[in-house]
């Protein structure tokens, strides 16, 4: 399976300056892709987008980079354009096609663009220019990932590092039919799950929420101080560096917390012999809520900090590695409908209680209804009592 890993490295001062030059040159390739796409759309073939082959043809050999590094930038532009097109087709009218000019852009080496030596030295090829092969950039890595390296991307975020994509040589487990489980994603409890054998799981998301709140609080303080400074001054630049450091640190903390949240869920699925996971689709809940005037700004901020997209992404590849299928289902009214009497009500407490006598934890109630809706195409009651496991992420 393909995996990714961030690796620190050492390099000479001259090679570090060459890496900066590579990232500036990659930014020039990106800006040229934007210019070519706009020119093609407006003059050459109106109302049509430039193709992959035409984009590579117009950028080939024009920049001081390895040919595959130039192609990698073109591929990133095309991927960004396709993602924007897919978002617009889904009805997200605020989505925009790539348009921003860049000063720096990560440089990628793929296939024959690099060579790994046994002592941990990686030679990053610069290609042939003026009929002569240029001297490669040498970086020294102490701990390389075990596997076949496929791609290397040079990145900078308060320090240089390599984003390495490699094949670990392991195959994903084969799918074997078993039990099914329903998952309800939440803002307070990140994951609420229910299995066919009446086992339930709750994983709290309060740490993720506290990290978001701390980041917002510190960021607001820095921005308030920065607003009193003249733009471009030394103090203004100092606050700008502090802001970038804060965002970078909080991103790492949030990524760690979400990994610690999704891994226990996958382990729970294996323990319950789950082969199919039905995930409630919450896409658009924030956009639809913001249209309502009665929503308080604090509630809107909580929804904007909700990282359900990353949770879904982490679950997708972790479950696929274990041979578990992940399917999205419509979760409309699953948290409001009583499975016994089919009455709908919006609960404000942690326990969903209906006048007919039915009671259940709100998130487990939603996960159980999602599973029932996926298996039976309707919300039906479960006869056996639920055994709940509660996990708190430290």
Protein backbone atom coordinates (compact mmCIF):
# COMPACT_ATOMS: atom_id res chain seq x y z
CA UNK A 1 0.00 0.00 0.00
CA UNK A 2 1.09 3.54 -0.66
CA UNK A 3 1.92 5.53 2.45
CA UNK A 4 3.23 9.00 3.20
CA UNK A 5 5.79 10.15 5.73
CA UNK A 6 7.43 13.47 6.59
CA UNK A 7 11.20 13.17 7.00
CA UNK A 8 13.72 15.78 8.18
CA UNK A 9 16.98 16.11 6.29
CA UNK A 10 20.36 17.87 6.26
CA UNK A 11 21.92 19.67 3.32
CA UNK A 12 24.70 22.13 2.61
CA UNK A 13 23.99 25.86 2.52
CA UNK A 14 24.44 25.86 -1.25
CA UNK A 15 21.95 23.01 -1.74
CA UNK A 16 19.42 24.70 0.55
CA UNK A 17 19.63 27.81 -1.60
CA UNK A 18 19.10 25.63 -4.67
CA UNK A 19 16.00 24.13 -3.04
CA UNK A 20 14.62 27.63 -2.51
CA UNK A 21 15.33 28.31 -6.18
CA UNK A 22 13.51 25.11 -7.16
CA UNK A 23 10.41 26.13 -5.21
CA UNK A 24 10.47 29.57 -6.83
CA UNK A 25 10.81 27.94 -10.25
CA UNK A 26 7.91 25.60 -9.47
CA UNK A 27 5.84 28.67 -8.61
CA UNK A 28 6.68 30.05 -12.06
CA UNK A 29 5.40 26.80 -13.60
CA UNK A 30 2.14 27.12 -11.63
CA UNK A 31 1.67 30.74 -12.69
CA UNK A 32 2.31 29.76 -16.30
CA UNK A 33 -0.34 27.04 -16.03
CA UNK A 34 -2.82 29.68 -14.87
CA UNK A 35 -1.89 31.98 -17.76
CA UNK A 36 -2.07 29.23 -20.39
CA UNK A 37 -5.43 27.99 -19.11
CA UNK A 38 -6.92 31.50 -19.19
CA UNK A 39 -5.53 32.26 -22.65
CA UNK A 40 -6.76 28.91 -24.01
CA UNK A 41 -10.22 29.43 -22.55
CA UNK A 42 -10.67 33.01 -23.79
CA UNK A 43 -8.98 33.03 -27.21
CA UNK A 44 -7.90 29.67 -28.63
CA UNK A 45 -10.90 27.49 -27.86
CA UNK A 46 -13.56 29.48 -26.03
CA UNK A 47 -15.65 27.67 -23.42
CA UNK A 48 -13.20 24.74 -23.31
CA UNK A 49 -10.43 23.94 -20.81
CA UNK A 50 -6.86 23.19 -21.80
CA UNK A 51 -6.05 19.47 -21.84
CA UNK A 52 -3.28 17.66 -19.98
CA UNK A 53 -1.20 16.97 -23.11
CA UNK A 54 -1.44 20.57 -24.32
CA UNK A 55 -0.49 21.95 -20.92
CA UNK A 56 2.57 19.70 -20.70
CA UNK A 57 3.54 20.54 -24.29
CA UNK A 58 3.60 24.31 -23.61
CA UNK A 59 5.59 23.97 -20.36
CA UNK A 60 8.11 21.32 -21.44
CA UNK A 61 11.75 22.46 -21.35
CA UNK A 62 10.95 26.05 -20.44
CA UNK A 63 11.94 25.96 -16.78
CA UNK A 64 15.09 25.17 -14.82
CA UNK A 65 13.73 21.95 -13.30
CA UNK A 66 13.65 18.25 -13.97
CA UNK A 67 11.04 17.41 -16.63
CA UNK A 68 9.03 15.25 -14.21
CA UNK A 69 9.03 18.06 -11.63
CA UNK A 70 7.46 20.35 -14.23
CA UNK A 71 4.87 17.70 -15.05
CA UNK A 72 4.06 17.29 -11.34
CA UNK A 73 3.10 20.98 -11.10
CA UNK A 74 0.88 20.62 -14.17
CA UNK A 75 -0.79 17.58 -12.63
CA UNK A 76 -1.48 19.50 -9.42
CA UNK A 77 -3.09 22.29 -11.39
CA UNK A 78 -5.29 19.83 -13.30
CA UNK A 79 -6.29 18.09 -10.06
CA UNK A 80 -7.22 21.43 -8.47
CA UNK A 81 -9.29 22.32 -11.55
CA UNK A 82 -11.11 18.97 -11.51
CA UNK A 83 -11.83 19.30 -7.77
CA UNK A 84 -13.30 22.77 -8.28
CA UNK A 85 -15.42 21.53 -11.18
CA UNK A 86 -16.75 18.63 -9.10
CA UNK A 87 -17.59 21.01 -6.23
CA UNK A 88 -19.45 23.37 -8.56
CA UNK A 89 -21.42 20.46 -10.04
CA UNK A 90 -22.48 19.50 -6.50
CA UNK A 91 -23.97 22.95 -6.04
CA UNK A 92 -21.14 24.62 -4.12
CA UNK A 93 -21.29 27.90 -6.02
CA UNK A 94 -18.65 29.56 -3.82
CA UNK A 95 -15.99 27.16 -5.19
CA UNK A 96 -13.54 28.73 -7.64
CA UNK A 97 -11.15 27.42 -10.23
CA UNK A 98 -7.41 27.91 -9.50
CA UNK A 99 -6.55 31.58 -9.95
CA UNK A 100 -4.04 32.69 -7.31
CA UNK A 101 -0.46 33.50 -8.32
CA UNK A 102 2.24 31.95 -6.14
CA UNK A 103 5.74 32.98 -5.13
CA UNK A 104 6.74 29.54 -3.81
CA UNK A 105 5.47 26.09 -4.71
CA UNK A 106 6.62 22.69 -3.43
CA UNK A 107 8.86 20.85 -5.89
CA UNK A 108 8.23 17.14 -6.47
CA UNK A 109 10.59 14.49 -7.85
CA UNK A 110 9.07 11.24 -9.16
CA UNK A 111 10.24 8.03 -10.83
CA UNK A 112 13.67 8.75 -12.38
CA UNK A 113 13.96 12.19 -10.81
CA UNK A 114 15.86 11.02 -7.72
CA UNK A 115 18.31 8.36 -6.56
CA UNK A 116 18.55 6.94 -3.04
CA UNK A 117 21.94 5.74 -1.79
CA UNK A 118 22.53 3.17 0.94
CA UNK A 119 24.00 5.72 3.38
CA UNK A 120 20.76 7.74 3.37
CA UNK A 121 21.86 10.34 0.82
CA UNK A 122 19.23 11.28 -1.77
CA UNK A 123 20.30 12.87 -5.06
CA UNK A 124 17.54 15.08 -6.49
CA UNK A 125 18.03 15.43 -10.22
CA UNK A 126 17.86 18.84 -11.91
CA UNK A 127 17.68 17.44 -15.44
CA UNK A 128 19.58 18.44 -18.57
CA UNK A 129 19.91 22.11 -19.50
CA UNK A 130 21.91 23.49 -22.40
CA UNK A 131 22.91 20.00 -23.46
CA UNK A 132 24.62 19.28 -20.13
CA UNK A 133 23.32 17.37 -17.12
CA UNK A 134 23.26 19.62 -14.09
CA UNK A 135 24.71 18.60 -10.75
CA UNK A 136 22.00 17.07 -8.51
CA UNK A 137 20.93 18.43 -5.14
CA UNK A 138 22.17 16.22 -2.29
CA UNK A 139 20.15 15.83 0.92
CA UNK A 140 21.02 13.55 3.81
CA UNK A 141 18.29 11.63 5.67
CA UNK A 142 18.98 9.64 8.83
CA UNK A 143 15.76 7.59 8.89
CA UNK A 144 14.22 6.60 5.57
CA UNK A 145 10.85 4.77 5.47
CA UNK A 146 11.06 1.05 4.82
CA UNK A 147 9.72 0.36 1.37
CA UNK A 148 10.00 1.45 -2.24
CA UNK A 149 10.07 5.24 -2.52
CA UNK A 150 7.79 6.49 -5.28
CA UNK A 151 7.79 10.28 -4.91
CA UNK A 152 9.68 12.94 -2.96
CA UNK A 153 8.28 16.42 -2.36
CA UNK A 154 10.39 19.20 -0.87
CA UNK A 155 8.40 21.33 1.60
CA UNK A 156 9.06 24.14 4.05
CA UNK A 157 7.05 24.87 7.17
CA UNK A 158 9.18 26.52 9.86
CA UNK A 159 11.93 24.21 8.60
CA UNK A 160 12.70 22.00 5.63
CA UNK A 161 11.35 18.46 5.35
CA UNK A 162 10.68 15.84 2.69
CA UNK A 163 7.18 14.45 2.12
CA UNK A 164 7.97 10.92 0.93
CA UNK A 165 5.42 8.64 -0.72
CA UNK A 166 6.44 4.98 -0.55
CA UNK A 167 5.08 1.49 -1.04
CA UNK A 168 5.43 -0.58 2.13
CA UNK A 169 4.99 -3.85 0.22
CA UNK A 170 1.84 -4.85 2.11
CA UNK A 171 -1.47 -5.56 0.45
CA UNK A 172 -4.81 -4.48 1.87
CA UNK A 173 -6.76 -7.27 3.52
CA UNK A 174 -9.44 -8.93 1.43
CA UNK A 175 -13.08 -8.15 2.12
CA UNK A 176 -14.87 -10.81 4.15
CA UNK A 177 -18.62 -10.44 4.82
CA UNK A 178 -19.47 -9.90 8.45
CA UNK A 179 -21.48 -7.55 10.62
CA UNK A 180 -22.51 -4.03 9.70
CA UNK A 181 -22.09 -0.86 11.72
CA UNK A 182 -23.52 2.65 11.61
CA UNK A 183 -21.55 5.81 12.38
CA UNK A 184 -22.86 9.21 13.38
CA UNK A 185 -20.25 11.97 13.28
CA UNK A 186 -20.63 14.68 15.90
CA UNK A 187 -19.02 17.87 17.15
CA UNK A 188 -18.95 16.92 20.86
CA UNK A 189 -18.51 13.18 20.33
CA UNK A 190 -16.44 12.80 17.18
CA UNK A 191 -17.63 9.24 16.53
CA UNK A 192 -20.79 7.53 17.69
CA UNK A 193 -21.04 3.96 16.38
CA UNK A 194 -23.50 1.08 16.66
CA UNK A 195 -23.01 -2.53 15.54
CA UNK A 196 -25.56 -5.22 14.65
CA UNK A 197 -24.63 -7.18 17.78
CA UNK A 198 -25.92 -4.24 19.90
CA UNK A 199 -22.42 -3.06 20.82
CA UNK A 200 -21.99 0.71 20.77
CA UNK A 201 -18.99 3.03 20.89
CA UNK A 202 -18.61 6.70 21.78
CA UNK A 203 -15.34 8.58 21.25
CA UNK A 204 -15.25 12.07 22.69
CA UNK A 205 -14.11 15.00 20.60
CA UNK A 206 -13.66 17.52 23.37
CA UNK A 207 -9.88 17.61 22.94
CA UNK A 208 -10.26 18.49 19.27
CA UNK A 209 -12.75 21.22 20.17
CA UNK A 210 -10.46 22.62 22.88
CA UNK A 211 -7.55 22.76 20.41
CA UNK A 212 -9.74 24.70 17.99
CA UNK A 213 -10.87 27.12 20.69
CA UNK A 214 -7.32 27.71 21.94
CA UNK A 215 -6.11 28.34 18.40
CA UNK A 216 -8.94 30.80 17.72
CA UNK A 217 -8.30 32.64 20.99
CA UNK A 218 -4.55 33.05 20.43
CA UNK A 219 -5.03 33.90 16.77
CA UNK A 220 -7.51 36.65 17.63
CA UNK A 221 -5.04 38.11 20.15
CA UNK A 222 -2.22 38.17 17.58
CA UNK A 223 -4.45 39.71 14.92
CA UNK A 224 -5.65 42.40 17.35
CA UNK A 225 -2.05 43.37 18.14
CA UNK A 226 -1.02 43.19 14.48
CA UNK A 227 -3.86 45.50 13.42
CA UNK A 228 -2.26 48.31 15.46
CA UNK A 229 1.02 48.04 13.54
CA UNK A 230 1.90 49.45 10.17
CA UNK A 231 1.79 46.76 7.51
CA UNK A 232 5.29 45.69 6.51
CA UNK A 233 7.00 47.00 9.64
CA UNK A 234 9.31 44.85 11.74
CA UNK A 235 6.75 44.37 14.50
CA UNK A 236 4.05 43.54 11.94
CA UNK A 237 6.34 40.87 10.44
CA UNK A 238 7.03 39.53 13.92
CA UNK A 239 3.31 39.01 14.52
CA UNK A 240 2.99 37.45 11.04
CA UNK A 241 5.66 34.87 11.93
CA UNK A 242 3.93 34.18 15.24
CA UNK A 243 0.64 33.65 13.42
CA UNK A 244 2.18 31.17 10.98
CA UNK A 245 3.85 29.31 13.86
CA UNK A 246 0.56 29.09 15.77
CA UNK A 247 -1.35 27.75 12.74
CA UNK A 248 1.38 25.21 11.98
CA UNK A 249 1.51 23.95 15.57
CA UNK A 250 -2.26 23.68 15.93
CA UNK A 251 -2.46 21.79 12.63
CA UNK A 252 -0.01 19.17 13.93
CA UNK A 253 -1.90 18.87 17.22
CA UNK A 254 -5.24 18.46 15.47
CA UNK A 255 -3.85 15.86 13.08
CA UNK A 256 -2.47 13.86 16.02
CA UNK A 257 -5.79 14.06 17.90
CA UNK A 258 -7.81 12.92 14.88
CA UNK A 259 -5.48 9.97 14.28
CA UNK A 260 -5.87 8.99 17.95
CA UNK A 261 -9.64 9.22 17.46
CA UNK A 262 -10.01 7.15 14.29
CA UNK A 263 -7.59 4.33 15.18
CA UNK A 264 -9.59 3.10 18.24
CA UNK A 265 -12.70 3.02 16.06
CA UNK A 266 -10.98 0.78 13.49
CA UNK A 267 -9.77 -1.49 16.32
CA UNK A 268 -13.34 -1.64 17.65
CA UNK A 269 -14.62 -2.61 14.19
CA UNK A 270 -12.10 -5.47 14.05
CA UNK A 271 -13.09 -6.64 17.52
CA UNK A 272 -16.78 -6.68 16.52
CA UNK A 273 -16.07 -8.39 13.13
CA UNK A 274 -17.49 -5.45 11.22
CA UNK A 275 -17.12 -5.67 7.44
CA UNK A 276 -19.39 -2.79 6.32
CA UNK A 277 -19.53 0.66 7.89
CA UNK A 278 -22.36 3.02 6.98
CA UNK A 279 -21.42 6.65 7.59
CA UNK A 280 -24.00 9.39 7.86
CA UNK A 281 -23.32 12.09 5.28
CA UNK A 282 -23.17 15.46 7.06
CA UNK A 283 -21.88 17.42 4.05
CA UNK A 284 -23.53 20.82 3.87
CA UNK A 285 -24.75 21.01 7.47
CA UNK A 286 -22.67 24.12 8.14
CA UNK A 287 -23.75 25.92 4.97
CA UNK A 288 -27.42 25.15 5.54
CA UNK A 289 -27.23 26.24 9.19
CA UNK A 290 -25.62 29.59 8.41
CA UNK A 291 -28.66 30.57 6.35
CA UNK A 292 -30.82 30.46 9.45
CA UNK A 293 -30.87 33.81 11.26
CA UNK A 294 -31.63 32.24 14.65
CA UNK A 295 -28.28 30.41 14.83
CA UNK A 296 -25.99 32.01 17.40
CA UNK A 297 -22.50 33.03 16.26
CA UNK A 298 -20.90 30.68 18.82
CA UNK A 299 -22.84 27.76 17.41
CA UNK A 300 -21.80 28.78 13.90
CA UNK A 301 -18.16 28.86 15.04
CA UNK A 302 -18.46 25.36 16.51
CA UNK A 303 -19.77 24.05 13.22
CA UNK A 304 -17.01 25.79 11.28
CA UNK A 305 -14.41 24.10 13.53
CA UNK A 306 -15.97 20.68 13.00
CA UNK A 307 -13.36 18.53 11.18
CA UNK A 308 -15.76 15.90 9.82
CA UNK A 309 -14.06 15.96 6.40
CA UNK A 310 -10.70 14.91 7.83
CA UNK A 311 -12.33 12.28 10.03
CA UNK A 312 -14.03 10.82 6.95
CA UNK A 313 -10.73 10.87 5.05
CA UNK A 314 -8.81 9.11 7.84
CA UNK A 315 -11.53 6.49 8.27
CA UNK A 316 -11.61 5.76 4.53
CA UNK A 317 -8.02 4.65 4.16
CA UNK A 318 -7.70 3.01 7.59
CA UNK A 319 -10.80 0.88 7.07
CA UNK A 320 -9.76 0.00 3.50
CA UNK A 321 -6.44 -1.27 4.81
CA UNK A 322 -8.33 -3.74 7.03
CA UNK A 323 -10.69 -4.86 4.24
CA UNK A 324 -13.68 -2.97 5.65
CA UNK A 325 -15.99 -1.16 3.25
CA UNK A 326 -17.10 2.40 4.01
CA UNK A 327 -20.37 3.61 2.51
CA UNK A 328 -22.10 6.96 2.94
CA UNK A 329 -25.85 7.13 3.50
CA UNK A 330 -28.31 9.97 3.86
CA UNK A 331 -28.73 10.78 7.54
CA UNK A 332 -31.80 12.99 7.20
CA UNK A 333 -33.89 12.98 10.42
CA UNK A 334 -31.99 10.01 11.89
CA UNK A 335 -31.22 12.02 15.04
CA UNK A 336 -34.81 13.28 15.38
CA UNK A 337 -36.93 10.21 14.60
CA UNK A 338 -38.03 7.78 17.28
CA UNK A 339 -37.58 4.21 15.92
CA UNK A 340 -40.57 2.94 17.95
CA UNK A 341 -43.37 5.43 17.21
CA UNK A 342 -41.72 7.31 14.30
CA UNK A 343 -42.33 10.70 15.93
CA UNK A 344 -39.85 13.48 15.22
CA UNK A 345 -38.47 15.86 17.81
CA UNK A 346 -35.33 17.94 18.23
CA UNK A 347 -33.65 16.94 21.47
CA UNK A 348 -31.55 19.42 23.45
CA UNK A 349 -30.20 16.90 25.98
CA UNK A 350 -27.61 14.16 25.72
CA UNK A 351 -30.36 11.53 26.04
CA UNK A 352 -33.00 11.23 23.34
CA UNK A 353 -36.28 10.60 25.18
CA UNK A 354 -39.61 10.06 23.45
CA UNK A 355 -43.11 10.21 24.95
CA UNK A 356 -43.59 6.54 24.03
CA UNK A 357 -40.94 5.54 26.58
CA UNK A 358 -37.97 5.05 24.25
CA UNK A 359 -34.64 6.40 25.56
CA UNK A 360 -31.12 6.28 24.19
CA UNK A 361 -27.96 8.37 24.07
CA UNK A 362 -28.41 10.94 21.32
CA UNK A 363 -25.34 9.97 19.26
CA UNK A 364 -25.91 6.21 19.62
CA UNK A 365 -29.53 6.81 18.69
CA UNK A 366 -28.40 8.54 15.49
CA UNK A 367 -25.87 5.82 14.62
CA UNK A 368 -28.44 3.09 15.18
CA UNK A 369 -30.99 4.81 12.96
CA UNK A 370 -28.35 5.29 10.25
CA UNK A 371 -27.61 1.56 10.32
CA UNK A 372 -31.30 0.70 10.29
CA UNK A 373 -31.90 3.05 7.38
CA UNK A 374 -28.99 1.52 5.42
CA UNK A 375 -30.02 -2.11 6.02
CA UNK A 376 -33.83 -1.88 5.93
CA UNK A 377 -34.44 1.40 4.03
CA UNK A 378 -36.41 2.59 7.04
CA UNK A 379 -35.89 3.48 10.68
CA UNK A 380 -36.86 0.39 12.72
CA UNK A 381 -36.42 -0.40 16.43
CA UNK A 382 -33.83 -2.83 17.87
CA UNK A 383 -35.10 -5.27 20.48
CA UNK A 384 -31.92 -5.90 22.50
CA UNK A 385 -30.39 -3.39 24.97
CA UNK A 386 -27.22 -1.55 23.97
CA UNK A 387 -23.79 -2.21 25.52
CA UNK A 388 -21.89 1.09 25.41
CA UNK A 389 -18.12 1.62 25.38
CA UNK A 390 -16.95 5.18 26.03
CA UNK A 391 -13.44 6.36 25.06
CA UNK A 392 -11.83 9.65 25.96
CA UNK A 393 -8.88 10.85 23.86
CA UNK A 394 -6.06 12.08 26.11
